[in-house]
Amino acid sequence: MPLNFLRRKKADARTPSVAAAAPSPHGRTGAAFDAVTEEWRLVGRMTVEGRLSDALNKREAIAIHDVQWAPIDGSAPLVEASGLKSVDPYDLILVLAGDGSLPELSDTDRAAHRIHKVSYDVALEVPPFRVIGTVYLHPGSEPDRLLDRATEMFVPVVDAVAMLGEVRVGDPDVDTVLVNRFYLRGVEQVDKRTGIKAQKLPGRPLGGTTWQDRS
């Protein structure tokens, strides 16, 4: 496997995103992650504090340790990658993050989140992957706006499943997927149970907020 396999295939590629360093003293500390690039899957731990999404959205190289890697097509098993010591968030298409990577929310924080965000069930096309789940957006923001370039590089999709063709990506017990918006190519509101576009029901709404406004 080439040491520069994570380097972006872009004309503006910068320094290599993988840097060699001394063995990590952190052991099993840090936030667990399961990430994919255009060709590879990485499983390990990131040396971050607080929310994993906040660290990724800084767009700076992140130290990693206890890393294993494998081709995303499943043609080979995960093997130790002791030479990988940092990763550039630009290289990561999807990052699957467990609950342990997020700080506990207070009851006040949870209530504020429910009041100020609207949930949408969506299918995100992130070639070669497809992610189906729920995104929370501020009132007045439509899911299509996720295609816009914004300050937040990664958008969290909860209760989510990431697929490569017919194969699910990552641990099925992990249902939060951080999607790199630079790779996002399509957004569609769907029925999350089927993964296909929700069909409008006949007739007119009787008033108020309908399920279509929230899905």
N, C-alpha and C. Protein backbone atom coordinates (compact mmCIF):
# COMPACT_ATOMS: atom_id res chain seq x y z
N MET A 1 0.84 -1.19 0.00
CA MET A 1 0.00 0.00 0.00
C MET A 1 0.88 1.25 0.00
N PRO A 2 0.66 2.21 -0.88
CA PRO A 2 1.49 3.40 -0.91
C PRO A 2 1.27 4.26 0.32
N LEU A 3 2.34 4.90 0.81
CA LEU A 3 2.22 5.70 2.01
C LEU A 3 1.41 6.97 1.79
N ASN A 4 1.24 7.40 0.56
CA ASN A 4 0.47 8.62 0.29
C ASN A 4 -0.93 8.29 -0.20
N PHE A 5 -1.48 7.14 0.23
CA PHE A 5 -2.77 6.72 -0.33
C PHE A 5 -3.90 7.63 0.09
N LEU A 6 -3.73 8.40 1.18
CA LEU A 6 -4.81 9.29 1.62
C LEU A 6 -4.77 10.63 0.92
N ARG A 7 -3.74 10.90 0.15
CA ARG A 7 -3.61 12.21 -0.48
C ARG A 7 -4.76 12.43 -1.45
N ARG A 8 -5.34 13.63 -1.41
CA ARG A 8 -6.48 13.92 -2.27
C ARG A 8 -6.07 13.92 -3.74
N LYS A 9 -6.96 13.38 -4.58
CA LYS A 9 -6.71 13.36 -6.01
C LYS A 9 -7.23 14.65 -6.62
N LYS A 10 -6.72 15.75 -6.15
CA LYS A 10 -7.16 17.06 -6.61
C LYS A 10 -5.94 17.81 -7.12
N ALA A 11 -6.17 18.78 -8.00
CA ALA A 11 -5.07 19.55 -8.54
C ALA A 11 -4.42 20.40 -7.47
N ASP A 12 -5.18 20.75 -6.40
CA ASP A 12 -4.66 21.63 -5.37
C ASP A 12 -4.16 20.84 -4.16
N ALA A 13 -3.80 19.58 -4.36
CA ALA A 13 -3.35 18.76 -3.23
C ALA A 13 -2.20 19.45 -2.53
N ARG A 14 -2.24 19.42 -1.19
CA ARG A 14 -1.23 20.11 -0.41
C ARG A 14 -0.22 19.10 0.11
N THR A 15 0.24 19.26 1.34
CA THR A 15 1.21 18.33 1.88
C THR A 15 0.57 16.97 2.10
N PRO A 16 1.34 15.90 2.14
CA PRO A 16 0.75 14.59 2.38
C PRO A 16 -0.02 14.58 3.68
N SER A 17 -1.16 13.90 3.67
CA SER A 17 -2.04 13.93 4.83
C SER A 17 -1.65 12.90 5.88
N VAL A 18 -0.69 12.04 5.59
CA VAL A 18 -0.23 11.06 6.56
C VAL A 18 1.21 11.38 6.90
N ALA A 19 1.49 11.52 8.18
CA ALA A 19 2.84 11.88 8.60
C ALA A 19 3.37 10.83 9.56
N ALA A 20 4.63 10.45 9.39
CA ALA A 20 5.24 9.48 10.30
C ALA A 20 5.64 10.19 11.59
N ALA A 21 5.54 9.48 12.71
CA ALA A 21 5.90 10.05 14.01
C ALA A 21 6.29 8.92 14.93
N ALA A 22 6.74 9.29 16.13
CA ALA A 22 7.09 8.28 17.12
C ALA A 22 5.85 7.56 17.58
N PRO A 23 5.99 6.33 18.12
CA PRO A 23 4.83 5.59 18.58
C PRO A 23 4.00 6.40 19.58
N SER A 24 2.68 6.29 19.48
CA SER A 24 1.78 7.07 20.33
C SER A 24 1.80 6.57 21.76
N PRO A 25 1.86 7.52 22.72
CA PRO A 25 1.83 7.11 24.12
C PRO A 25 0.41 7.00 24.65
N HIS A 26 -0.58 7.25 23.81
CA HIS A 26 -1.95 7.39 24.29
C HIS A 26 -2.67 6.07 24.50
N GLY A 27 -2.14 4.97 23.96
CA GLY A 27 -2.82 3.69 24.13
C GLY A 27 -4.22 3.74 23.55
N ARG A 28 -5.22 3.37 24.38
CA ARG A 28 -6.60 3.29 23.92
C ARG A 28 -7.40 4.54 24.23
N THR A 29 -6.75 5.66 24.48
CA THR A 29 -7.46 6.91 24.73
C THR A 29 -7.90 7.53 23.42
N GLY A 30 -8.70 8.59 23.50
CA GLY A 30 -9.15 9.29 22.30
C GLY A 30 -10.49 8.79 21.83
N ALA A 31 -10.98 9.41 20.76
CA ALA A 31 -12.30 9.09 20.21
C ALA A 31 -12.18 8.00 19.16
N ALA A 32 -12.95 6.93 19.33
CA ALA A 32 -12.96 5.86 18.34
C ALA A 32 -13.59 6.36 17.04
N PHE A 33 -13.03 5.94 15.92
CA PHE A 33 -13.57 6.33 14.62
C PHE A 33 -13.42 5.19 13.63
N ASP A 34 -14.29 5.23 12.63
CA ASP A 34 -14.26 4.28 11.51
C ASP A 34 -14.51 5.14 10.28
N ALA A 35 -13.48 5.37 9.47
CA ALA A 35 -13.58 6.34 8.38
C ALA A 35 -13.24 5.70 7.05
N VAL A 36 -13.71 6.34 5.97
CA VAL A 36 -13.39 5.86 4.63
C VAL A 36 -12.91 7.03 3.78
N THR A 37 -11.94 6.71 2.92
CA THR A 37 -11.48 7.64 1.90
C THR A 37 -12.01 7.12 0.56
N GLU A 38 -11.47 7.62 -0.53
CA GLU A 38 -11.94 7.16 -1.84
C GLU A 38 -11.61 5.69 -2.08
N GLU A 39 -10.60 5.16 -1.40
CA GLU A 39 -10.18 3.79 -1.66
C GLU A 39 -9.99 2.94 -0.41
N TRP A 40 -9.93 3.57 0.78
CA TRP A 40 -9.51 2.83 1.95
C TRP A 40 -10.44 3.05 3.14
N ARG A 41 -10.41 2.09 4.04
CA ARG A 41 -11.12 2.19 5.31
C ARG A 41 -10.09 2.26 6.43
N LEU A 42 -10.31 3.18 7.36
CA LEU A 42 -9.42 3.35 8.51
C LEU A 42 -10.22 3.16 9.78
N VAL A 43 -9.70 2.38 10.71
CA VAL A 43 -10.34 2.17 12.01
C VAL A 43 -9.29 2.44 13.09
N GLY A 44 -9.62 3.28 14.04
CA GLY A 44 -8.66 3.58 15.09
C GLY A 44 -9.22 4.59 16.07
N ARG A 45 -8.34 5.42 16.59
CA ARG A 45 -8.73 6.43 17.57
C ARG A 45 -8.09 7.76 17.20
N MET A 46 -8.85 8.84 17.38
CA MET A 46 -8.36 10.19 17.14
C MET A 46 -8.08 10.88 18.47
N THR A 47 -6.95 11.57 18.52
CA THR A 47 -6.58 12.30 19.73
C THR A 47 -7.26 13.66 19.71
N VAL A 48 -8.50 13.68 20.19
CA VAL A 48 -9.29 14.91 20.21
C VAL A 48 -9.96 15.04 21.57
N GLU A 49 -10.37 16.27 21.88
CA GLU A 49 -11.15 16.53 23.07
C GLU A 49 -12.52 17.07 22.63
N GLY A 50 -13.57 16.64 23.31
CA GLY A 50 -14.91 17.11 22.97
C GLY A 50 -15.48 16.40 21.76
N ARG A 51 -16.25 17.12 20.99
CA ARG A 51 -16.98 16.54 19.86
C ARG A 51 -16.04 16.23 18.70
N LEU A 52 -16.16 15.04 18.17
CA LEU A 52 -15.34 14.64 17.04
C LEU A 52 -15.62 15.53 15.83
N SER A 53 -16.90 15.90 15.62
CA SER A 53 -17.25 16.75 14.49
C SER A 53 -16.59 18.12 14.59
N ASP A 54 -16.48 18.66 15.81
CA ASP A 54 -15.83 19.95 15.99
C ASP A 54 -14.36 19.87 15.59
N ALA A 55 -13.70 18.78 15.96
CA ALA A 55 -12.30 18.62 15.61
C ALA A 55 -12.12 18.51 14.10
N LEU A 56 -12.99 17.75 13.44
CA LEU A 56 -12.89 17.60 11.99
C LEU A 56 -13.17 18.92 11.28
N ASN A 57 -14.11 19.70 11.80
CA ASN A 57 -14.48 20.95 11.15
C ASN A 57 -13.43 22.03 11.27
N LYS A 58 -12.41 21.81 12.08
CA LYS A 58 -11.29 22.75 12.12
C LYS A 58 -10.42 22.64 10.88
N ARG A 59 -10.57 21.55 10.12
CA ARG A 59 -9.86 21.33 8.86
C ARG A 59 -8.35 21.27 9.06
N GLU A 60 -7.93 20.78 10.19
CA GLU A 60 -6.52 20.63 10.48
C GLU A 60 -6.19 19.16 10.70
N ALA A 61 -4.96 18.78 10.43
CA ALA A 61 -4.54 17.40 10.62
C ALA A 61 -4.79 16.97 12.07
N ILE A 62 -5.25 15.72 12.23
CA ILE A 62 -5.58 15.18 13.55
C ILE A 62 -4.70 13.97 13.81
N ALA A 63 -4.12 13.93 15.01
CA ALA A 63 -3.30 12.78 15.38
C ALA A 63 -4.19 11.56 15.55
N ILE A 64 -3.74 10.40 15.06
CA ILE A 64 -4.48 9.15 15.18
C ILE A 64 -3.54 8.07 15.70
N HIS A 65 -4.12 7.05 16.33
CA HIS A 65 -3.32 5.95 16.85
C HIS A 65 -4.16 4.68 16.91
N ASP A 66 -3.50 3.56 17.19
CA ASP A 66 -4.16 2.26 17.20
C ASP A 66 -4.93 2.03 15.90
N VAL A 67 -4.31 2.34 14.78
CA VAL A 67 -5.00 2.37 13.49
C VAL A 67 -4.84 1.04 12.75
N GLN A 68 -5.93 0.61 12.12
CA GLN A 68 -5.92 -0.49 11.16
C GLN A 68 -6.48 0.04 9.85
N TRP A 69 -6.12 -0.60 8.74
CA TRP A 69 -6.63 -0.16 7.44
C TRP A 69 -6.92 -1.36 6.54
N ALA A 70 -7.75 -1.09 5.51
CA ALA A 70 -8.10 -2.12 4.53
C ALA A 70 -8.74 -1.44 3.34
N PRO A 71 -8.71 -2.07 2.17
CA PRO A 71 -9.43 -1.52 1.02
C PRO A 71 -10.93 -1.46 1.31
N ILE A 72 -11.60 -0.43 0.82
CA ILE A 72 -13.03 -0.30 1.12
C ILE A 72 -13.87 -1.34 0.41
N ASP A 73 -13.31 -1.99 -0.62
CA ASP A 73 -14.10 -2.99 -1.34
C ASP A 73 -14.13 -4.35 -0.64
N GLY A 74 -13.47 -4.43 0.53
CA GLY A 74 -13.49 -5.68 1.27
C GLY A 74 -12.60 -6.76 0.71
N SER A 75 -11.71 -6.39 -0.22
CA SER A 75 -10.85 -7.39 -0.85
C SER A 75 -9.74 -7.89 0.06
N ALA A 76 -9.54 -7.22 1.19
CA ALA A 76 -8.52 -7.66 2.15
C ALA A 76 -8.99 -7.27 3.55
N PRO A 77 -8.56 -8.01 4.57
CA PRO A 77 -8.99 -7.70 5.94
C PRO A 77 -8.24 -6.50 6.50
N LEU A 78 -8.75 -5.96 7.60
CA LEU A 78 -8.05 -4.89 8.31
C LEU A 78 -6.73 -5.41 8.86
N VAL A 79 -5.68 -4.61 8.68
CA VAL A 79 -4.37 -4.95 9.22
C VAL A 79 -3.80 -3.72 9.92
N GLU A 80 -2.85 -3.96 10.80
CA GLU A 80 -2.25 -2.87 11.55
C GLU A 80 -1.56 -1.88 10.62
N ALA A 81 -1.75 -0.59 10.90
CA ALA A 81 -1.11 0.47 10.12
C ALA A 81 -0.35 1.38 11.07
N SER A 82 0.71 0.86 11.64
CA SER A 82 1.45 1.58 12.68
C SER A 82 2.13 2.84 12.14
N GLY A 83 2.30 2.93 10.81
CA GLY A 83 2.95 4.10 10.24
C GLY A 83 2.04 5.30 10.08
N LEU A 84 0.74 5.12 10.30
CA LEU A 84 -0.20 6.23 10.15
C LEU A 84 -0.35 6.95 11.48
N LYS A 85 0.07 8.22 11.53
CA LYS A 85 0.07 8.96 12.79
C LYS A 85 -0.82 10.20 12.75
N SER A 86 -1.26 10.61 11.57
CA SER A 86 -2.17 11.76 11.47
C SER A 86 -2.99 11.63 10.20
N VAL A 87 -4.10 12.33 10.18
CA VAL A 87 -4.98 12.29 9.02
C VAL A 87 -5.51 13.68 8.74
N ASP A 88 -5.64 14.01 7.47
CA ASP A 88 -6.20 15.28 7.03
C ASP A 88 -7.70 15.10 6.83
N PRO A 89 -8.55 15.88 7.51
CA PRO A 89 -10.00 15.72 7.35
C PRO A 89 -10.48 15.83 5.90
N TYR A 90 -9.75 16.56 5.05
CA TYR A 90 -10.15 16.68 3.65
C TYR A 90 -10.17 15.32 2.95
N ASP A 91 -9.37 14.38 3.43
CA ASP A 91 -9.29 13.07 2.79
C ASP A 91 -10.44 12.14 3.16
N LEU A 92 -11.13 12.46 4.23
CA LEU A 92 -12.16 11.56 4.75
C LEU A 92 -13.51 11.87 4.14
N ILE A 93 -14.13 10.88 3.51
CA ILE A 93 -15.45 11.06 2.91
C ILE A 93 -16.52 10.90 3.98
N LEU A 94 -16.43 9.82 4.75
CA LEU A 94 -17.37 9.55 5.83
C LEU A 94 -16.58 9.19 7.07
N VAL A 95 -17.12 9.58 8.24
CA VAL A 95 -16.54 9.18 9.52
C VAL A 95 -17.68 8.66 10.38
N LEU A 96 -17.60 7.39 10.76
CA LEU A 96 -18.60 6.80 11.65
C LEU A 96 -18.12 7.00 13.08
N ALA A 97 -18.97 7.62 13.89
CA ALA A 97 -18.57 8.00 15.24
C ALA A 97 -19.52 7.40 16.26
N GLY A 98 -18.97 6.79 17.30
CA GLY A 98 -19.79 6.23 18.36
C GLY A 98 -20.22 7.28 19.35
N ASP A 99 -21.16 6.90 20.23
CA ASP A 99 -21.66 7.84 21.24
C ASP A 99 -20.55 8.32 22.16
N GLY A 100 -19.54 7.51 22.36
CA GLY A 100 -18.46 7.89 23.25
C GLY A 100 -17.66 9.07 22.76
N SER A 101 -17.81 9.45 21.48
CA SER A 101 -17.06 10.58 20.95
C SER A 101 -17.75 11.90 21.19
N LEU A 102 -18.97 11.86 21.78
CA LEU A 102 -19.73 13.07 22.01
C LEU A 102 -19.90 13.31 23.50
N PRO A 103 -19.83 14.59 23.95
CA PRO A 103 -20.04 14.87 25.36
C PRO A 103 -21.50 14.71 25.73
N GLU A 104 -21.76 14.45 27.00
CA GLU A 104 -23.12 14.33 27.48
C GLU A 104 -23.84 15.67 27.38
N LEU A 105 -25.09 15.65 26.92
CA LEU A 105 -25.91 16.85 26.86
C LEU A 105 -26.76 16.96 28.12
N SER A 106 -26.91 18.18 28.61
CA SER A 106 -27.80 18.40 29.75
C SER A 106 -29.24 18.37 29.26
N ASP A 107 -30.20 18.29 30.20
CA ASP A 107 -31.61 18.32 29.82
C ASP A 107 -31.94 19.63 29.11
N THR A 108 -31.32 20.73 29.53
CA THR A 108 -31.56 22.02 28.89
C THR A 108 -31.06 22.01 27.45
N ASP A 109 -29.87 21.41 27.23
CA ASP A 109 -29.31 21.34 25.87
C ASP A 109 -30.22 20.50 24.97
N ARG A 110 -30.71 19.38 25.48
CA ARG A 110 -31.59 18.53 24.67
C ARG A 110 -32.87 19.26 24.31
N ALA A 111 -33.45 19.98 25.27
CA ALA A 111 -34.68 20.73 25.01
C ALA A 111 -34.44 21.82 23.97
N ALA A 112 -33.32 22.52 24.08
CA ALA A 112 -33.01 23.58 23.12
C ALA A 112 -32.80 23.00 21.73
N HIS A 113 -32.17 21.83 21.65
CA HIS A 113 -31.94 21.18 20.36
C HIS A 113 -33.26 20.84 19.68
N ARG A 114 -34.20 20.31 20.46
CA ARG A 114 -35.51 19.95 19.89
C ARG A 114 -36.26 21.18 19.41
N ILE A 115 -36.13 22.28 20.14
CA ILE A 115 -36.88 23.49 19.79
C ILE A 115 -36.30 24.17 18.56
N HIS A 116 -34.99 24.23 18.48
CA HIS A 116 -34.35 25.06 17.47
C HIS A 116 -33.94 24.32 16.21
N LYS A 117 -34.11 23.01 16.14
CA LYS A 117 -33.74 22.27 14.95
C LYS A 117 -34.94 21.48 14.43
N VAL A 118 -34.98 21.31 13.11
CA VAL A 118 -36.03 20.53 12.44
C VAL A 118 -35.38 19.30 11.84
N SER A 119 -36.00 18.15 12.04
CA SER A 119 -35.43 16.89 11.53
C SER A 119 -35.94 16.60 10.13
N TYR A 120 -35.04 16.07 9.29
CA TYR A 120 -35.37 15.65 7.93
C TYR A 120 -34.77 14.28 7.69
N ASP A 121 -35.54 13.37 7.16
CA ASP A 121 -35.03 12.06 6.75
C ASP A 121 -34.55 12.18 5.31
N VAL A 122 -33.28 11.86 5.08
CA VAL A 122 -32.66 12.12 3.78
C VAL A 122 -31.81 10.95 3.33
N ALA A 123 -31.56 10.94 2.03
CA ALA A 123 -30.55 10.07 1.42
C ALA A 123 -29.50 10.99 0.82
N LEU A 124 -28.26 10.81 1.23
CA LEU A 124 -27.16 11.63 0.75
C LEU A 124 -26.29 10.81 -0.19
N GLU A 125 -26.07 11.34 -1.39
CA GLU A 125 -25.22 10.67 -2.37
C GLU A 125 -23.80 11.22 -2.21
N VAL A 126 -22.91 10.35 -1.74
CA VAL A 126 -21.51 10.72 -1.50
C VAL A 126 -20.66 9.68 -2.21
N PRO A 127 -20.57 9.75 -3.55
CA PRO A 127 -19.96 8.68 -4.33
C PRO A 127 -18.61 8.24 -3.77
N PRO A 128 -18.40 6.92 -3.67
CA PRO A 128 -19.28 5.82 -4.11
C PRO A 128 -20.27 5.36 -3.03
N PHE A 129 -20.53 6.20 -2.02
CA PHE A 129 -21.36 5.80 -0.89
C PHE A 129 -22.73 6.47 -0.94
N ARG A 130 -23.67 5.86 -0.22
CA ARG A 130 -25.01 6.44 -0.03
C ARG A 130 -25.33 6.34 1.45
N VAL A 131 -25.71 7.47 2.04
CA VAL A 131 -26.00 7.53 3.46
C VAL A 131 -27.47 7.88 3.66
N ILE A 132 -28.18 7.06 4.42
CA ILE A 132 -29.60 7.29 4.71
C ILE A 132 -29.74 7.49 6.21
N GLY A 133 -30.40 8.59 6.59
CA GLY A 133 -30.58 8.86 8.01
C GLY A 133 -31.29 10.19 8.22
N THR A 134 -31.09 10.78 9.39
CA THR A 134 -31.79 12.00 9.77
C THR A 134 -30.78 13.12 10.02
N VAL A 135 -31.07 14.30 9.43
CA VAL A 135 -30.27 15.49 9.70
C VAL A 135 -31.14 16.50 10.43
N TYR A 136 -30.52 17.32 11.28
CA TYR A 136 -31.22 18.36 12.01
C TYR A 136 -30.73 19.71 11.50
N LEU A 137 -31.69 20.51 11.02
CA LEU A 137 -31.36 21.81 10.44
C LEU A 137 -32.15 22.91 11.13
N HIS A 138 -31.63 24.12 11.05
CA HIS A 138 -32.34 25.26 11.61
C HIS A 138 -33.61 25.52 10.80
N PRO A 139 -34.67 26.01 11.45
CA PRO A 139 -35.90 26.33 10.71
C PRO A 139 -35.61 27.25 9.53
N GLY A 140 -36.22 26.96 8.41
CA GLY A 140 -36.00 27.74 7.20
C GLY A 140 -34.91 27.20 6.31
N SER A 141 -34.11 26.26 6.80
CA SER A 141 -33.05 25.64 5.99
C SER A 141 -33.58 24.34 5.39
N GLU A 142 -33.51 24.23 4.08
CA GLU A 142 -33.93 23.02 3.39
C GLU A 142 -32.75 22.07 3.25
N PRO A 143 -33.00 20.76 3.19
CA PRO A 143 -31.90 19.80 3.05
C PRO A 143 -31.00 20.07 1.85
N ASP A 144 -31.56 20.61 0.75
CA ASP A 144 -30.74 20.89 -0.43
C ASP A 144 -29.60 21.85 -0.12
N ARG A 145 -29.76 22.68 0.93
CA ARG A 145 -28.72 23.63 1.29
C ARG A 145 -27.45 22.95 1.77
N LEU A 146 -27.54 21.65 2.07
CA LEU A 146 -26.35 20.92 2.47
C LEU A 146 -25.32 20.87 1.34
N LEU A 147 -25.78 21.07 0.10
CA LEU A 147 -24.87 21.07 -1.04
C LEU A 147 -24.05 22.36 -1.12
N ASP A 148 -24.48 23.39 -0.40
CA ASP A 148 -23.75 24.65 -0.39
C ASP A 148 -22.47 24.49 0.42
N ARG A 149 -21.44 25.18 0.03
CA ARG A 149 -20.21 25.20 0.82
C ARG A 149 -20.44 26.06 2.05
N ALA A 150 -20.12 25.56 3.21
CA ALA A 150 -20.39 26.27 4.46
C ALA A 150 -19.20 26.14 5.39
N THR A 151 -19.30 26.83 6.53
CA THR A 151 -18.21 26.77 7.50
C THR A 151 -18.06 25.37 8.08
N GLU A 152 -19.18 24.64 8.20
CA GLU A 152 -19.12 23.28 8.72
C GLU A 152 -18.82 22.32 7.59
N MET A 153 -17.66 21.71 7.65
CA MET A 153 -17.22 20.80 6.60
C MET A 153 -17.94 19.47 6.69
N PHE A 154 -18.21 19.01 7.91
CA PHE A 154 -18.87 17.73 8.11
C PHE A 154 -20.26 17.95 8.71
N VAL A 155 -21.25 17.26 8.16
CA VAL A 155 -22.60 17.32 8.68
C VAL A 155 -22.92 15.97 9.33
N PRO A 156 -23.45 15.98 10.56
CA PRO A 156 -23.79 14.71 11.21
C PRO A 156 -25.14 14.18 10.74
N VAL A 157 -25.18 12.89 10.46
CA VAL A 157 -26.42 12.20 10.10
C VAL A 157 -26.64 11.13 11.17
N VAL A 158 -27.77 11.20 11.86
CA VAL A 158 -28.02 10.28 12.97
C VAL A 158 -29.01 9.20 12.57
N ASP A 159 -29.04 8.15 13.38
CA ASP A 159 -29.88 6.98 13.06
C ASP A 159 -29.63 6.60 11.60
N ALA A 160 -28.36 6.54 11.24
CA ALA A 160 -27.96 6.47 9.84
C ALA A 160 -27.36 5.12 9.48
N VAL A 161 -27.38 4.84 8.18
CA VAL A 161 -26.70 3.69 7.62
C VAL A 161 -25.95 4.16 6.37
N ALA A 162 -24.69 3.76 6.25
CA ALA A 162 -23.88 4.09 5.09
C ALA A 162 -23.69 2.83 4.25
N MET A 163 -23.94 2.95 2.96
CA MET A 163 -23.89 1.80 2.07
C MET A 163 -22.87 2.02 0.96
N LEU A 164 -22.16 0.95 0.61
CA LEU A 164 -21.33 0.90 -0.58
C LEU A 164 -21.93 -0.17 -1.47
N GLY A 165 -22.74 0.25 -2.43
CA GLY A 165 -23.53 -0.70 -3.20
C GLY A 165 -24.56 -1.34 -2.30
N GLU A 166 -24.51 -2.66 -2.17
CA GLU A 166 -25.44 -3.39 -1.31
C GLU A 166 -24.83 -3.75 0.04
N VAL A 167 -23.62 -3.26 0.30
CA VAL A 167 -22.90 -3.63 1.52
C VAL A 167 -22.89 -2.46 2.49
N ARG A 168 -23.25 -2.74 3.74
CA ARG A 168 -23.20 -1.71 4.77
C ARG A 168 -21.76 -1.45 5.18
N VAL A 169 -21.44 -0.17 5.38
CA VAL A 169 -20.10 0.24 5.76
C VAL A 169 -20.01 0.37 7.28
N GLY A 170 -18.99 -0.23 7.87
CA GLY A 170 -18.72 -0.02 9.28
C GLY A 170 -19.52 -0.91 10.21
N ASP A 171 -19.40 -0.63 11.50
CA ASP A 171 -20.04 -1.38 12.56
C ASP A 171 -21.54 -1.07 12.59
N PRO A 172 -22.42 -2.06 12.49
CA PRO A 172 -23.86 -1.79 12.50
C PRO A 172 -24.36 -1.19 13.81
N ASP A 173 -23.57 -1.29 14.88
CA ASP A 173 -23.98 -0.70 16.15
C ASP A 173 -23.68 0.80 16.21
N VAL A 174 -22.95 1.32 15.24
CA VAL A 174 -22.64 2.75 15.19
C VAL A 174 -23.57 3.39 14.16
N ASP A 175 -24.41 4.33 14.62
CA ASP A 175 -25.42 4.87 13.71
C ASP A 175 -25.33 6.37 13.55
N THR A 176 -24.18 6.97 13.85
CA THR A 176 -23.94 8.37 13.54
C THR A 176 -22.84 8.45 12.49
N VAL A 177 -23.15 9.10 11.36
CA VAL A 177 -22.20 9.22 10.26
C VAL A 177 -21.94 10.70 10.01
N LEU A 178 -20.68 11.10 10.04
CA LEU A 178 -20.29 12.46 9.70
C LEU A 178 -19.91 12.48 8.22
N VAL A 179 -20.63 13.29 7.45
CA VAL A 179 -20.47 13.32 5.99
C VAL A 179 -19.69 14.57 5.58
N ASN A 180 -18.63 14.37 4.82
CA ASN A 180 -17.83 15.48 4.30
C ASN A 180 -18.59 16.13 3.15
N ARG A 181 -19.01 17.38 3.35
CA ARG A 181 -19.85 18.06 2.35
C ARG A 181 -19.12 18.35 1.05
N PHE A 182 -17.79 18.31 1.05
CA PHE A 182 -17.05 18.53 -0.18
C PHE A 182 -17.23 17.36 -1.15
N TYR A 183 -17.62 16.20 -0.64
CA TYR A 183 -17.85 15.03 -1.49
C TYR A 183 -19.34 14.82 -1.78
N LEU A 184 -20.20 15.63 -1.18
CA LEU A 184 -21.64 15.45 -1.31
C LEU A 184 -22.09 15.87 -2.71
N ARG A 185 -22.82 14.98 -3.39
CA ARG A 185 -23.25 15.24 -4.76
C ARG A 185 -24.77 15.24 -4.94
N GLY A 186 -25.51 14.79 -3.94
CA GLY A 186 -26.96 14.77 -4.07
C GLY A 186 -27.64 14.63 -2.73
N VAL A 187 -28.80 15.29 -2.59
CA VAL A 187 -29.60 15.22 -1.36
C VAL A 187 -31.05 15.00 -1.76
N GLU A 188 -31.69 14.01 -1.12
CA GLU A 188 -33.09 13.72 -1.42
C GLU A 188 -33.81 13.36 -0.13
N GLN A 189 -34.99 13.96 0.08
CA GLN A 189 -35.80 13.58 1.22
C GLN A 189 -36.44 12.23 0.91
N VAL A 190 -36.37 11.32 1.87
CA VAL A 190 -36.83 9.96 1.64
C VAL A 190 -37.64 9.46 2.82
N ASP A 191 -38.31 8.35 2.59
CA ASP A 191 -38.89 7.56 3.68
C ASP A 191 -37.75 6.70 4.20
N LYS A 192 -37.31 6.96 5.42
CA LYS A 192 -36.12 6.30 5.93
C LYS A 192 -36.29 4.79 6.04
N ARG A 193 -37.53 4.32 6.15
CA ARG A 193 -37.75 2.88 6.26
C ARG A 193 -37.41 2.16 4.97
N THR A 194 -37.63 2.83 3.84
CA THR A 194 -37.41 2.20 2.54
C THR A 194 -36.20 2.75 1.81
N GLY A 195 -35.79 3.97 2.17
CA GLY A 195 -34.66 4.59 1.50
C GLY A 195 -35.00 5.20 0.16
N ILE A 196 -36.29 5.26 -0.18
CA ILE A 196 -36.70 5.86 -1.46
C ILE A 196 -37.50 7.12 -1.20
N LYS A 197 -37.64 7.94 -2.23
CA LYS A 197 -38.29 9.23 -2.10
C LYS A 197 -39.71 9.06 -1.58
N ALA A 198 -40.04 9.86 -0.57
CA ALA A 198 -41.38 9.80 0.02
C ALA A 198 -42.41 10.28 -0.99
N GLN A 199 -43.51 9.54 -1.09
CA GLN A 199 -44.57 9.88 -2.02
C GLN A 199 -45.59 10.79 -1.35
N LYS A 200 -46.00 11.83 -2.06
CA LYS A 200 -47.00 12.73 -1.52
C LYS A 200 -48.36 12.04 -1.48
N LEU A 201 -49.06 12.24 -0.41
CA LEU A 201 -50.39 11.66 -0.28
C LEU A 201 -51.41 12.51 -1.03
N PRO A 202 -52.48 11.89 -1.54
CA PRO A 202 -53.51 12.67 -2.24
C PRO A 202 -54.24 13.60 -1.28
N GLY A 203 -54.83 14.64 -1.86
CA GLY A 203 -55.60 15.58 -1.04
C GLY A 203 -54.75 16.73 -0.57
N ARG A 204 -55.38 17.60 0.20
CA ARG A 204 -54.70 18.79 0.70
C ARG A 204 -54.56 18.71 2.21
N PRO A 205 -53.49 19.33 2.74
CA PRO A 205 -53.33 19.33 4.20
C PRO A 205 -54.42 20.15 4.86
N LEU A 206 -54.76 19.80 6.08
CA LEU A 206 -55.80 20.50 6.82
C LEU A 206 -55.25 21.67 7.61
N GLY A 207 -53.95 21.91 7.50
CA GLY A 207 -53.34 23.01 8.24
C GLY A 207 -52.30 22.49 9.21
N GLY A 208 -51.46 23.40 9.68
CA GLY A 208 -50.41 23.01 10.61
C GLY A 208 -49.23 22.41 9.89
N THR A 209 -48.34 21.81 10.64
CA THR A 209 -47.13 21.20 10.10
C THR A 209 -47.39 19.74 9.77
N THR A 210 -47.16 19.36 8.52
CA THR A 210 -47.40 17.99 8.09
C THR A 210 -46.12 17.18 8.21
N TRP A 211 -46.27 15.85 8.07
CA TRP A 211 -45.09 14.97 8.12
C TRP A 211 -44.16 15.29 6.98
N GLN A 212 -44.71 15.78 5.83
CA GLN A 212 -43.86 16.11 4.68
C GLN A 212 -42.97 17.31 4.97
N ASP A 213 -43.45 18.22 5.84
CA ASP A 213 -42.64 19.38 6.19
C ASP A 213 -41.49 18.99 7.09
N ARG A 214 -41.59 17.83 7.77
CA ARG A 214 -40.58 17.43 8.74
C ARG A 214 -39.74 16.25 8.25
N SER A 215 -40.08 15.70 7.11
CA SER A 215 -39.36 14.51 6.62
C SER A 215 -38.44 14.85 5.48
